Amino acid sequence: MTITTTREQEQEYTAVYEVVPRPAVFKLWERTRNRQLHWLVECVAEATGTFLYTFAGAGATAAYVLGNILGIPGLGSVLQIGIAYAVGIALALAVCLPTSQGQFNPGITVHAVVFHGMPPFKAFRYIIFQIMGAYIACLSVYVQYKQLIHAAVDALKAKGTYDAIMFTPSGPAGIFGLYVNPGSNLGYVLLNEFVCDFVLGLVIFACSEPGNNMTSPTTMSWLISLAYGVVVWGYAPVGLAANSARDLGGRFAALTLFGKGASGGNYAALAALTNIPATLLAGLFYELVFNDSTRKWQRAIAMRKAELERKGERPLASAASSLHSSGESDEKMNDKA
């Protein structure tokens, strides 16, 4: 099957500048950015995306944890935390997806390398910036809540419960780093993490597949966000990271703020790594069971071609890619199926 677009389909898409002219300085910057610095802008977009949802989720977690420690009722709940993460992910996708394809997750980025040929060095850059975005978000939340955090730490010390609570989900360090409750069986925590990450990956790949007629660019972000909300509401109390960038960025922030005690012990490796194989398995499962390359998705192809032409990465007539892949190699697709 040869992938083609009709003249009517190509004419359906009009560049924004043809309708809303921009000042000359911005036009000059756009030409430079799209031709020479698009890789840097994409990395910044990945960092911004992880910043947005970490900022939302960690902020809600701070209100909940500090309210419990200081005895201030009504400051938060697990429901509020789940809503905050869900909305944060929707905001991240709305703001950043058009620039970087909205991965925001090392598991999704590794999946793009394995299944869609994303260049490994580009993936490495993405992952570094993803972690950086979460790290900066956690530091920002710390500064904004600094007075209450210090009051909570003082309260724990006064009660003699600092060592028992500080580096748990109920302690101030748990706002930033991810921990499990003392005495938790890590085998069950691993199972919980793997199943939740698998479900999230399956939903992400289904929603970002252009051939899936049940989703659209306007519903995709909210469906993915609701999936994150579901796993937070139902399974976060067991122990859940769901994203290696959020875990590592928050862990590094906790270590920066509170020292080596914030390392997380054996759980740290589980939280940082489980997301990746679970996402890869979800991707394989989706490809084998649900994906169908014979579905019609000319509209999505035309949009992707226009983006590639704008960046000057490949000729308009020879490039097509799914929305959940990114990079020079993953933009290649056989013109016959």
C-alpha atoms as a PDB file:
ATOM      1  CA  MET A   1       0.000   0.000   0.000  1.00  0.00           C
ATOM      2  CA  THR A   2       1.514   3.303  -1.073  1.00  0.00           C
ATOM      3  CA  ILE A   3       1.071   6.189   1.348  1.00  0.00           C
ATOM      4  CA  THR A   4      -0.111   9.269  -0.500  1.00  0.00           C
ATOM      5  CA  THR A   5      -2.065  12.409   0.242  1.00  0.00           C
ATOM      6  CA  THR A   6      -4.509  14.117  -2.067  1.00  0.00           C
ATOM      7  CA  ARG A   7      -4.257  17.779  -3.059  1.00  0.00           C
ATOM      8  CA  GLU A   8      -7.377  18.473  -0.991  1.00  0.00           C
ATOM      9  CA  GLN A   9      -5.802  16.880   2.095  1.00  0.00           C
ATOM     10  CA  GLU A  10      -2.586  18.869   1.698  1.00  0.00           C
ATOM     11  CA  GLN A  11      -4.521  22.100   1.224  1.00  0.00           C
ATOM     12  CA  GLU A  12      -6.514  21.381   4.392  1.00  0.00           C
ATOM     13  CA  TYR A  13      -3.514  22.369   6.510  1.00  0.00           C
ATOM     14  CA  THR A  14      -2.496  26.009   6.564  1.00  0.00           C
ATOM     15  CA  ALA A  15       0.591  27.327   8.328  1.00  0.00           C
ATOM     16  CA  VAL A  16      -0.215  29.567  11.273  1.00  0.00           C
ATOM     17  CA  TYR A  17       1.866  32.464   9.925  1.00  0.00           C
ATOM     18  CA  GLU A  18      -0.391  32.613   6.855  1.00  0.00           C
ATOM     19  CA  VAL A  19      -3.285  33.561   9.127  1.00  0.00           C
ATOM     20  CA  VAL A  20      -1.573  35.215  12.109  1.00  0.00           C
ATOM     21  CA  PRO A  21       1.600  37.034  10.995  1.00  0.00           C
ATOM     22  CA  ARG A  22       4.469  37.097  13.479  1.00  0.00           C
ATOM     23  CA  PRO A  23       7.083  39.821  14.037  1.00  0.00           C
ATOM     24  CA  ALA A  24      10.223  39.451  11.934  1.00  0.00           C
ATOM     25  CA  VAL A  25      12.413  38.651  14.944  1.00  0.00           C
ATOM     26  CA  PHE A  26      10.269  35.625  15.807  1.00  0.00           C
ATOM     27  CA  LYS A  27      10.263  34.465  12.194  1.00  0.00           C
ATOM     28  CA  LEU A  28      14.062  34.600  12.192  1.00  0.00           C
ATOM     29  CA  TRP A  29      14.226  32.669  15.447  1.00  0.00           C
ATOM     30  CA  GLU A  30      11.787  30.051  14.127  1.00  0.00           C
ATOM     31  CA  ARG A  31      13.940  29.437  11.060  1.00  0.00           C
ATOM     32  CA  THR A  32      17.033  29.010  13.228  1.00  0.00           C
ATOM     33  CA  ARG A  33      15.252  26.863  15.781  1.00  0.00           C
ATOM     34  CA  ASN A  34      13.533  24.581  13.302  1.00  0.00           C
ATOM     35  CA  ARG A  35      16.603  24.042  11.118  1.00  0.00           C
ATOM     36  CA  GLN A  36      19.501  24.049  13.585  1.00  0.00           C
ATOM     37  CA  LEU A  37      18.341  24.011  17.205  1.00  0.00           C
ATOM     38  CA  HIS A  38      15.247  21.834  17.078  1.00  0.00           C
ATOM     39  CA  TRP A  39      17.055  19.128  19.082  1.00  0.00           C
ATOM     40  CA  LEU A  40      17.632  21.549  21.962  1.00  0.00           C
ATOM     41  CA  VAL A  41      14.073  22.849  21.869  1.00  0.00           C
ATOM     42  CA  GLU A  42      12.764  19.279  21.927  1.00  0.00           C
ATOM     43  CA  CYS A  43      14.891  18.507  25.005  1.00  0.00           C
ATOM     44  CA  VAL A  44      13.650  21.642  26.743  1.00  0.00           C
ATOM     45  CA  ALA A  45      10.094  20.592  25.908  1.00  0.00           C
ATOM     46  CA  GLU A  46      10.696  17.203  27.533  1.00  0.00           C
ATOM     47  CA  ALA A  47      12.059  18.907  30.650  1.00  0.00           C
ATOM     48  CA  THR A  48       9.111  21.302  30.693  1.00  0.00           C
ATOM     49  CA  GLY A  49       6.641  18.436  30.434  1.00  0.00           C
ATOM     50  CA  THR A  50       8.112  16.523  33.373  1.00  0.00           C
ATOM     51  CA  PHE A  51       8.343  19.800  35.286  1.00  0.00           C
ATOM     52  CA  LEU A  52       4.633  20.500  34.812  1.00  0.00           C
ATOM     53  CA  TYR A  53       3.272  17.172  36.012  1.00  0.00           C
ATOM     54  CA  THR A  54       5.835  16.822  38.806  1.00  0.00           C
ATOM     55  CA  PHE A  55       5.105  20.364  39.945  1.00  0.00           C
ATOM     56  CA  ALA A  56       1.383  19.566  40.034  1.00  0.00           C
ATOM     57  CA  GLY A  57       1.726  16.189  41.749  1.00  0.00           C
ATOM     58  CA  ALA A  58       4.455  17.093  44.243  1.00  0.00           C
ATOM     59  CA  GLY A  59       2.590  20.248  45.212  1.00  0.00           C
ATOM     60  CA  ALA A  60      -0.561  18.281  46.026  1.00  0.00           C
ATOM     61  CA  THR A  61       1.533  15.703  47.893  1.00  0.00           C
ATOM     62  CA  ALA A  62       3.147  18.480  49.939  1.00  0.00           C
ATOM     63  CA  ALA A  63      -0.241  19.790  51.050  1.00  0.00           C
ATOM     64  CA  TYR A  64      -1.387  16.289  52.059  1.00  0.00           C
ATOM     65  CA  VAL A  65       1.793  15.254  53.899  1.00  0.00           C
ATOM     66  CA  LEU A  66       2.356  18.532  55.713  1.00  0.00           C
ATOM     67  CA  GLY A  67      -1.294  18.844  56.659  1.00  0.00           C
ATOM     68  CA  ASN A  68      -1.165  15.425  58.319  1.00  0.00           C
ATOM     69  CA  ILE A  69       2.067  16.141  60.196  1.00  0.00           C
ATOM     70  CA  LEU A  70       1.032  19.599  61.401  1.00  0.00           C
ATOM     71  CA  GLY A  71      -2.547  18.585  62.152  1.00  0.00           C
ATOM     72  CA  ILE A  72      -4.093  21.001  59.673  1.00  0.00           C
ATOM     73  CA  PRO A  73      -7.285  19.408  58.330  1.00  0.00           C
ATOM     74  CA  GLY A  74      -8.455  19.689  54.748  1.00  0.00           C
ATOM     75  CA  LEU A  75      -5.091  20.379  53.097  1.00  0.00           C
ATOM     76  CA  GLY A  76      -5.121  17.365  50.810  1.00  0.00           C
ATOM     77  CA  SER A  77      -5.975  13.745  50.093  1.00  0.00           C
ATOM     78  CA  VAL A  78      -4.976  10.862  47.837  1.00  0.00           C
ATOM     79  CA  LEU A  79      -7.865  11.891  45.596  1.00  0.00           C
ATOM     80  CA  GLN A  80      -6.416  15.367  45.269  1.00  0.00           C
ATOM     81  CA  ILE A  81      -2.953  13.977  44.520  1.00  0.00           C
ATOM     82  CA  GLY A  82      -4.332  11.757  41.761  1.00  0.00           C
ATOM     83  CA  ILE A  83      -6.261  14.647  40.226  1.00  0.00           C
ATOM     84  CA  ALA A  84      -3.163  16.871  40.405  1.00  0.00           C
ATOM     85  CA  TYR A  85      -0.973  14.340  38.588  1.00  0.00           C
ATOM     86  CA  ALA A  86      -3.692  13.729  35.992  1.00  0.00           C
ATOM     87  CA  VAL A  87      -4.195  17.424  35.279  1.00  0.00           C
ATOM     88  CA  GLY A  88      -0.425  17.991  35.291  1.00  0.00           C
ATOM     89  CA  ILE A  89       0.027  15.327  32.621  1.00  0.00           C
ATOM     90  CA  ALA A  90      -2.778  16.823  30.524  1.00  0.00           C
ATOM     91  CA  LEU A  91      -1.132  20.239  30.779  1.00  0.00           C
ATOM     92  CA  ALA A  92       2.268  18.796  29.890  1.00  0.00           C
ATOM     93  CA  LEU A  93       0.871  17.113  26.781  1.00  0.00           C
ATOM     94  CA  ALA A  94      -1.054  20.208  25.730  1.00  0.00           C
ATOM     95  CA  VAL A  95       1.985  22.457  26.055  1.00  0.00           C
ATOM     96  CA  CYS A  96       4.837  20.237  24.914  1.00  0.00           C
ATOM     97  CA  LEU A  97       3.574  17.401  22.703  1.00  0.00           C
ATOM     98  CA  PRO A  98       3.648  19.433  19.449  1.00  0.00           C
ATOM     99  CA  THR A  99       7.362  20.104  20.014  1.00  0.00           C
ATOM    100  CA  SER A 100       8.833  16.833  21.315  1.00  0.00           C
ATOM    101  CA  GLN A 101       6.066  14.247  20.756  1.00  0.00           C
ATOM    102  CA  GLY A 102       5.404  14.355  24.515  1.00  0.00           C
ATOM    103  CA  GLN A 103       7.311  11.369  25.857  1.00  0.00           C
ATOM    104  CA  PHE A 104       8.125  12.704  29.374  1.00  0.00           C
ATOM    105  CA  ASN A 105       8.998   9.192  30.517  1.00  0.00           C
ATOM    106  CA  PRO A 106      12.213   7.159  30.062  1.00  0.00           C
ATOM    107  CA  GLY A 107      10.119   4.027  29.549  1.00  0.00           C
ATOM    108  CA  ILE A 108       8.354   5.621  26.574  1.00  0.00           C
ATOM    109  CA  THR A 109      11.670   6.937  25.260  1.00  0.00           C
ATOM    110  CA  VAL A 110      13.342   3.506  25.467  1.00  0.00           C
ATOM    111  CA  HIS A 111      10.273   2.064  23.738  1.00  0.00           C
ATOM    112  CA  ALA A 112      10.781   4.571  20.901  1.00  0.00           C
ATOM    113  CA  VAL A 113      14.386   3.361  20.535  1.00  0.00           C
ATOM    114  CA  VAL A 114      13.445  -0.329  20.460  1.00  0.00           C
ATOM    115  CA  PHE A 115      10.268  -0.187  18.390  1.00  0.00           C
ATOM    116  CA  HIS A 116      10.623   2.957  16.284  1.00  0.00           C
ATOM    117  CA  GLY A 117      14.340   3.404  15.725  1.00  0.00           C
ATOM    118  CA  MET A 118      14.797   6.569  17.741  1.00  0.00           C
ATOM    119  CA  PRO A 119      18.555   7.357  17.774  1.00  0.00           C
ATOM    120  CA  PRO A 120      20.026   6.218  21.128  1.00  0.00           C
ATOM    121  CA  PHE A 121      21.924   9.472  21.668  1.00  0.00           C
ATOM    122  CA  LYS A 122      18.758  11.480  21.136  1.00  0.00           C
ATOM    123  CA  ALA A 123      16.990   9.207  23.611  1.00  0.00           C
ATOM    124  CA  PHE A 124      19.793   9.744  26.124  1.00  0.00           C
ATOM    125  CA  ARG A 125      19.376  13.515  25.801  1.00  0.00           C
ATOM    126  CA  TYR A 126      15.633  13.197  26.286  1.00  0.00           C
ATOM    127  CA  ILE A 127      16.030  11.103  29.445  1.00  0.00           C
ATOM    128  CA  ILE A 128      18.548  13.508  30.992  1.00  0.00           C
ATOM    129  CA  PHE A 129      16.229  16.451  30.395  1.00  0.00           C
ATOM    130  CA  GLN A 130      13.201  14.514  31.644  1.00  0.00           C
ATOM    131  CA  ILE A 131      14.965  13.844  34.951  1.00  0.00           C
ATOM    132  CA  MET A 132      16.158  17.447  35.086  1.00  0.00           C
ATOM    133  CA  GLY A 133      12.608  18.748  34.700  1.00  0.00           C
ATOM    134  CA  ALA A 134      11.366  16.647  37.618  1.00  0.00           C
ATOM    135  CA  TYR A 135      14.367  17.691  39.721  1.00  0.00           C
ATOM    136  CA  ILE A 136      13.750  21.404  39.133  1.00  0.00           C
ATOM    137  CA  ALA A 137      10.034  20.992  39.870  1.00  0.00           C
ATOM    138  CA  CYS A 138      10.768  19.348  43.223  1.00  0.00           C
ATOM    139  CA  LEU A 139      13.205  22.088  44.197  1.00  0.00           C
ATOM    140  CA  SER A 140      10.603  24.680  43.265  1.00  0.00           C
ATOM    141  CA  VAL A 141       7.969  22.970  45.424  1.00  0.00           C
ATOM    142  CA  TYR A 142      10.458  22.841  48.291  1.00  0.00           C
ATOM    143  CA  VAL A 143      11.125  26.574  48.126  1.00  0.00           C
ATOM    144  CA  GLN A 144       7.417  27.378  47.936  1.00  0.00           C
ATOM    145  CA  TYR A 145       6.624  25.132  50.924  1.00  0.00           C
ATOM    146  CA  LYS A 146       9.878  25.758  52.801  1.00  0.00           C
ATOM    147  CA  GLN A 147       8.381  27.263  55.945  1.00  0.00           C
ATOM    148  CA  LEU A 148       5.813  24.480  56.366  1.00  0.00           C
ATOM    149  CA  ILE A 149       8.397  21.787  55.585  1.00  0.00           C
ATOM    150  CA  HIS A 150      10.748  23.094  58.255  1.00  0.00           C
ATOM    151  CA  ALA A 151       7.855  23.319  60.704  1.00  0.00           C
ATOM    152  CA  ALA A 152       6.940  19.703  59.930  1.00  0.00           C
ATOM    153  CA  VAL A 153      10.541  18.531  60.401  1.00  0.00           C
ATOM    154  CA  ASP A 154      10.695  20.351  63.744  1.00  0.00           C
ATOM    155  CA  ALA A 155       7.384  18.775  64.772  1.00  0.00           C
ATOM    156  CA  LEU A 156       8.664  15.276  63.982  1.00  0.00           C
ATOM    157  CA  LYS A 157      11.826  15.880  65.995  1.00  0.00           C
ATOM    158  CA  ALA A 158       9.820  17.248  68.908  1.00  0.00           C
ATOM    159  CA  LYS A 159       7.622  14.136  68.910  1.00  0.00           C
ATOM    160  CA  GLY A 160      10.654  11.831  68.593  1.00  0.00           C
ATOM    161  CA  THR A 161       9.325  10.319  65.348  1.00  0.00           C
ATOM    162  CA  TYR A 162      11.766  11.905  62.898  1.00  0.00           C
ATOM    163  CA  ASP A 163      13.751   8.719  62.184  1.00  0.00           C
ATOM    164  CA  ALA A 164      10.605   6.627  61.833  1.00  0.00           C
ATOM    165  CA  ILE A 165       8.630   8.939  59.527  1.00  0.00           C
ATOM    166  CA  MET A 166      10.967  11.335  57.735  1.00  0.00           C
ATOM    167  CA  PHE A 167      11.922   9.020  54.854  1.00  0.00           C
ATOM    168  CA  THR A 168       8.568   7.388  54.268  1.00  0.00           C
ATOM    169  CA  PRO A 169       5.550   8.375  52.144  1.00  0.00           C
ATOM    170  CA  SER A 170       4.216  10.188  55.216  1.00  0.00           C
ATOM    171  CA  GLY A 171       7.347  12.262  55.844  1.00  0.00           C
ATOM    172  CA  PRO A 172       8.555  15.549  54.327  1.00  0.00           C
ATOM    173  CA  ALA A 173      11.131  13.688  52.218  1.00  0.00           C
ATOM    174  CA  GLY A 174       8.240  11.677  50.753  1.00  0.00           C
ATOM    175  CA  ILE A 175       6.967  14.814  49.070  1.00  0.00           C
ATOM    176  CA  PHE A 176       9.887  14.607  46.658  1.00  0.00           C
ATOM    177  CA  GLY A 177      11.411  11.122  46.799  1.00  0.00           C
ATOM    178  CA  LEU A 178       9.218   8.050  46.426  1.00  0.00           C
ATOM    179  CA  TYR A 179       9.244   5.537  49.287  1.00  0.00           C
ATOM    180  CA  VAL A 180       7.265   2.568  50.580  1.00  0.00           C
ATOM    181  CA  ASN A 181       5.809   2.126  54.022  1.00  0.00           C
ATOM    182  CA  PRO A 182       8.113   0.451  56.558  1.00  0.00           C
ATOM    183  CA  GLY A 183       7.771  -3.327  56.517  1.00  0.00           C
ATOM    184  CA  SER A 184       6.424  -3.490  52.967  1.00  0.00           C
ATOM    185  CA  ASN A 185       7.150  -6.674  51.028  1.00  0.00           C
ATOM    186  CA  LEU A 186       9.122  -5.492  47.991  1.00  0.00           C
ATOM    187  CA  GLY A 187       7.923  -8.474  45.977  1.00  0.00           C
ATOM    188  CA  TYR A 188       4.338  -7.256  46.182  1.00  0.00           C
ATOM    189  CA  VAL A 189       5.488  -3.689  45.576  1.00  0.00           C
ATOM    190  CA  LEU A 190       7.304  -4.870  42.424  1.00  0.00           C
ATOM    191  CA  LEU A 191       4.176  -6.644  41.202  1.00  0.00           C
ATOM    192  CA  ASN A 192       2.070  -3.559  41.896  1.00  0.00           C
ATOM    193  CA  GLU A 193       4.523  -1.313  40.047  1.00  0.00           C
ATOM    194  CA  PHE A 194       4.838  -3.625  37.050  1.00  0.00           C
ATOM    195  CA  VAL A 195       1.095  -4.106  36.567  1.00  0.00           C
ATOM    196  CA  CYS A 196       0.363  -0.374  36.882  1.00  0.00           C
ATOM    197  CA  ASP A 197       3.168   0.544  34.468  1.00  0.00           C
ATOM    198  CA  PHE A 198       1.962  -2.088  31.995  1.00  0.00           C
ATOM    199  CA  VAL A 199      -1.579  -0.687  32.088  1.00  0.00           C
ATOM    200  CA  LEU A 200      -0.306   2.860  31.657  1.00  0.00           C
ATOM    201  CA  GLY A 201       1.870   1.858  28.717  1.00  0.00           C
ATOM    202  CA  LEU A 202      -1.017   0.056  27.033  1.00  0.00           C
ATOM    203  CA  VAL A 203      -3.273   3.095  27.350  1.00  0.00           C
ATOM    204  CA  ILE A 204      -0.544   5.462  26.118  1.00  0.00           C
ATOM    205  CA  PHE A 205       0.171   3.394  23.011  1.00  0.00           C
ATOM    206  CA  ALA A 206      -3.512   2.966  22.230  1.00  0.00           C
ATOM    207  CA  CYS A 207      -4.298   6.658  22.633  1.00  0.00           C
ATOM    208  CA  SER A 208      -1.287   7.834  20.628  1.00  0.00           C
ATOM    209  CA  GLU A 209      -1.824   5.422  17.742  1.00  0.00           C
ATOM    210  CA  PRO A 210      -3.171   7.453  14.786  1.00  0.00           C
ATOM    211  CA  GLY A 211      -5.026   4.421  13.454  1.00  0.00           C
ATOM    212  CA  ASN A 212      -7.158   4.174  16.593  1.00  0.00           C
ATOM    213  CA  ASN A 213     -10.416   5.858  15.633  1.00  0.00           C
ATOM    214  CA  MET A 214     -11.641   5.823  19.229  1.00  0.00           C
ATOM    215  CA  THR A 215      -9.164   8.540  20.220  1.00  0.00           C
ATOM    216  CA  SER A 216      -8.283  11.921  18.775  1.00  0.00           C
ATOM    217  CA  PRO A 217      -5.663  14.600  19.520  1.00  0.00           C
ATOM    218  CA  THR A 218      -8.228  16.385  21.691  1.00  0.00           C
ATOM    219  CA  THR A 219      -9.148  13.343  23.785  1.00  0.00           C
ATOM    220  CA  MET A 220      -5.743  11.652  23.897  1.00  0.00           C
ATOM    221  CA  SER A 221      -4.234  13.770  26.655  1.00  0.00           C
ATOM    222  CA  TRP A 222      -7.248  13.388  28.940  1.00  0.00           C
ATOM    223  CA  LEU A 223      -7.515   9.632  28.461  1.00  0.00           C
ATOM    224  CA  ILE A 224      -3.820   9.201  29.291  1.00  0.00           C
ATOM    225  CA  SER A 225      -4.212  11.542  32.258  1.00  0.00           C
ATOM    226  CA  LEU A 226      -7.188   9.592  33.581  1.00  0.00           C
ATOM    227  CA  ALA A 227      -5.153   6.383  33.335  1.00  0.00           C
ATOM    228  CA  TYR A 228      -2.527   7.952  35.583  1.00  0.00           C
ATOM    229  CA  GLY A 229      -5.242   9.091  37.942  1.00  0.00           C
ATOM    230  CA  VAL A 230      -6.621   5.543  38.148  1.00  0.00           C
ATOM    231  CA  VAL A 231      -3.294   4.007  39.185  1.00  0.00           C
ATOM    232  CA  VAL A 232      -2.597   6.788  41.699  1.00  0.00           C
ATOM    233  CA  TRP A 233      -6.036   6.565  43.296  1.00  0.00           C
ATOM    234  CA  GLY A 234      -6.054   2.792  43.465  1.00  0.00           C
ATOM    235  CA  TYR A 235      -2.462   1.671  43.915  1.00  0.00           C
ATOM    236  CA  ALA A 236      -0.194   4.499  45.113  1.00  0.00           C
ATOM    237  CA  PRO A 237      -0.579   3.441  48.789  1.00  0.00           C
ATOM    238  CA  VAL A 238       1.137   0.127  47.960  1.00  0.00           C
ATOM    239  CA  GLY A 239       4.119   1.901  46.361  1.00  0.00           C
ATOM    240  CA  LEU A 240       4.116   3.414  42.891  1.00  0.00           C
ATOM    241  CA  ALA A 241       6.565   5.437  40.811  1.00  0.00           C
ATOM    242  CA  ALA A 242       5.009   5.012  37.319  1.00  0.00           C
ATOM    243  CA  ASN A 243       7.733   7.112  35.733  1.00  0.00           C
ATOM    244  CA  SER A 244      11.499   6.761  36.086  1.00  0.00           C
ATOM    245  CA  ALA A 245      12.062  10.481  35.451  1.00  0.00           C
ATOM    246  CA  ARG A 246       9.674  11.484  38.236  1.00  0.00           C
ATOM    247  CA  ASP A 247      11.316   8.981  40.576  1.00  0.00           C
ATOM    248  CA  LEU A 248      14.937   9.881  39.823  1.00  0.00           C
ATOM    249  CA  GLY A 249      14.327  13.624  39.669  1.00  0.00           C
ATOM    250  CA  GLY A 250      12.510  13.520  42.985  1.00  0.00           C
ATOM    251  CA  ARG A 251      15.105  11.198  44.523  1.00  0.00           C
ATOM    252  CA  PHE A 252      17.954  13.498  43.528  1.00  0.00           C
ATOM    253  CA  ALA A 253      16.033  16.457  44.938  1.00  0.00           C
ATOM    254  CA  ALA A 254      15.447  14.637  48.243  1.00  0.00           C
ATOM    255  CA  LEU A 255      19.142  13.732  48.433  1.00  0.00           C
ATOM    256  CA  THR A 256      20.061  17.345  47.731  1.00  0.00           C
ATOM    257  CA  LEU A 257      17.737  18.637  50.441  1.00  0.00           C
ATOM    258  CA  PHE A 258      17.940  15.970  53.161  1.00  0.00           C
ATOM    259  CA  GLY A 259      21.164  14.033  52.620  1.00  0.00           C
ATOM    260  CA  LYS A 260      21.982  10.344  52.157  1.00  0.00           C
ATOM    261  CA  GLY A 261      19.092   9.194  54.306  1.00  0.00           C
ATOM    262  CA  ALA A 262      16.785  10.016  51.390  1.00  0.00           C
ATOM    263  CA  SER A 263      18.335   7.361  49.123  1.00  0.00           C
ATOM    264  CA  GLY A 264      15.391   4.982  49.440  1.00  0.00           C
ATOM    265  CA  GLY A 265      17.359   1.763  49.986  1.00  0.00           C
ATOM    266  CA  ASN A 266      16.466  -1.278  47.906  1.00  0.00           C
ATOM    267  CA  TYR A 267      13.217   0.282  46.774  1.00  0.00           C
ATOM    268  CA  ALA A 268      15.098   2.979  44.854  1.00  0.00           C
ATOM    269  CA  ALA A 269      16.221   0.563  42.122  1.00  0.00           C
ATOM    270  CA  LEU A 270      12.759  -0.973  41.867  1.00  0.00           C
ATOM    271  CA  ALA A 271      11.105   2.422  41.474  1.00  0.00           C
ATOM    272  CA  ALA A 272      13.616   3.685  38.925  1.00  0.00           C
ATOM    273  CA  LEU A 273      13.836   0.626  36.671  1.00  0.00           C
ATOM    274  CA  THR A 274      10.561  -1.332  36.720  1.00  0.00           C
ATOM    275  CA  ASN A 275       8.818   1.198  34.519  1.00  0.00           C
ATOM    276  CA  ILE A 276      11.084   0.456  31.556  1.00  0.00           C
ATOM    277  CA  PRO A 277      10.567  -3.325  31.038  1.00  0.00           C
ATOM    278  CA  ALA A 278       6.873  -2.988  31.892  1.00  0.00           C
ATOM    279  CA  THR A 279       6.454  -0.308  29.218  1.00  0.00           C
ATOM    280  CA  LEU A 280       8.375  -2.362  26.661  1.00  0.00           C
ATOM    281  CA  LEU A 281       6.190  -5.392  27.353  1.00  0.00           C
ATOM    282  CA  ALA A 282       3.066  -3.235  27.051  1.00  0.00           C
ATOM    283  CA  GLY A 283       4.347  -1.962  23.713  1.00  0.00           C
ATOM    284  CA  LEU A 284       4.973  -5.488  22.455  1.00  0.00           C
ATOM    285  CA  PHE A 285       1.546  -6.617  23.640  1.00  0.00           C
ATOM    286  CA  TYR A 286      -0.122  -3.686  21.892  1.00  0.00           C
ATOM    287  CA  GLU A 287       1.772  -4.295  18.648  1.00  0.00           C
ATOM    288  CA  LEU A 288       0.905  -8.002  18.600  1.00  0.00           C
ATOM    289  CA  VAL A 289      -2.729  -7.772  19.627  1.00  0.00           C
ATOM    290  CA  PHE A 290      -4.188  -4.349  18.922  1.00  0.00           C
ATOM    291  CA  ASN A 291      -2.141  -2.425  16.367  1.00  0.00           C
ATOM    292  CA  ASP A 292      -3.107  -2.691  12.704  1.00  0.00           C
ATOM    293  CA  SER A 293      -1.013  -0.870  10.106  1.00  0.00           C
ATOM    294  CA  THR A 294      -3.719  -1.315   7.442  1.00  0.00           C
ATOM    295  CA  ARG A 295      -6.028   1.181   9.138  1.00  0.00           C
ATOM    296  CA  LYS A 296      -6.580   4.495   7.377  1.00  0.00           C
ATOM    297  CA  TRP A 297      -4.794   7.458   8.945  1.00  0.00           C
ATOM    298  CA  GLN A 298      -4.119   9.841   6.086  1.00  0.00           C
ATOM    299  CA  ARG A 299      -4.983  12.889   8.208  1.00  0.00           C
ATOM    300  CA  ALA A 300      -2.325  12.036  10.789  1.00  0.00           C
ATOM    301  CA  ILE A 301       0.244  11.374   8.060  1.00  0.00           C
ATOM    302  CA  ALA A 302      -0.402  14.745   6.469  1.00  0.00           C
ATOM    303  CA  MET A 303       0.045  16.503   9.817  1.00  0.00           C
ATOM    304  CA  ARG A 304       3.300  14.642  10.531  1.00  0.00           C
ATOM    305  CA  LYS A 305       4.654  15.371   7.043  1.00  0.00           C
ATOM    306  CA  ALA A 306       3.951  19.070   7.487  1.00  0.00           C
ATOM    307  CA  GLU A 307       5.881  19.056  10.775  1.00  0.00           C
ATOM    308  CA  LEU A 308       8.888  17.293   9.250  1.00  0.00           C
ATOM    309  CA  GLU A 309       8.934  19.651   6.291  1.00  0.00           C
ATOM    310  CA  ARG A 310       8.886  22.622   8.668  1.00  0.00           C
ATOM    311  CA  LYS A 311      11.906  21.242  10.554  1.00  0.00           C
ATOM    312  CA  GLY A 312      13.679  20.327   7.342  1.00  0.00           C
ATOM    313  CA  GLU A 313      14.404  16.817   8.636  1.00  0.00           C
ATOM    314  CA  ARG A 314      13.037  14.880   5.656  1.00  0.00           C
ATOM    315  CA  PRO A 315      11.349  15.689   2.353  1.00  0.00           C
ATOM    316  CA  LEU A 316       7.607  16.144   2.635  1.00  0.00           C
ATOM    317  CA  ALA A 317       6.850  13.337   0.226  1.00  0.00           C
ATOM    318  CA  SER A 318       8.843  10.604   1.933  1.00  0.00           C
ATOM    319  CA  ALA A 319       8.259  10.743   5.675  1.00  0.00           C
ATOM    320  CA  ALA A 320       5.558   9.410   7.938  1.00  0.00           C
ATOM    321  CA  SER A 321       5.503   8.391  11.551  1.00  0.00           C
ATOM    322  CA  SER A 322       3.168   7.552  14.382  1.00  0.00           C
ATOM    323  CA  LEU A 323       2.605  10.141  17.089  1.00  0.00           C
ATOM    324  CA  HIS A 324       4.239   8.061  19.808  1.00  0.00           C
ATOM    325  CA  SER A 325       7.607   7.763  17.992  1.00  0.00           C
ATOM    326  CA  SER A 326      10.305  10.383  17.582  1.00  0.00           C
ATOM    327  CA  GLY A 327      13.719  10.840  16.003  1.00  0.00           C
ATOM    328  CA  GLU A 328      15.375  10.597  12.626  1.00  0.00           C
ATOM    329  CA  SER A 329      15.150   6.820  12.291  1.00  0.00           C
ATOM    330  CA  ASP A 330      11.637   6.464  13.691  1.00  0.00           C
ATOM    331  CA  GLU A 331      10.397   8.864  11.055  1.00  0.00           C
ATOM    332  CA  LYS A 332      11.185   6.240   8.453  1.00  0.00           C
ATOM    333  CA  MET A 333       8.350   4.050   7.335  1.00  0.00           C
ATOM    334  CA  ASN A 334       8.111   1.614   4.435  1.00  0.00           C
ATOM    335  CA  ASP A 335       5.967   3.067   1.703  1.00  0.00           C
ATOM    336  CA  LYS A 336       4.589  -0.351   1.007  1.00  0.00           C
ATOM    337  CA  ALA A 337       2.804  -2.705   3.362  1.00  0.00           C
END
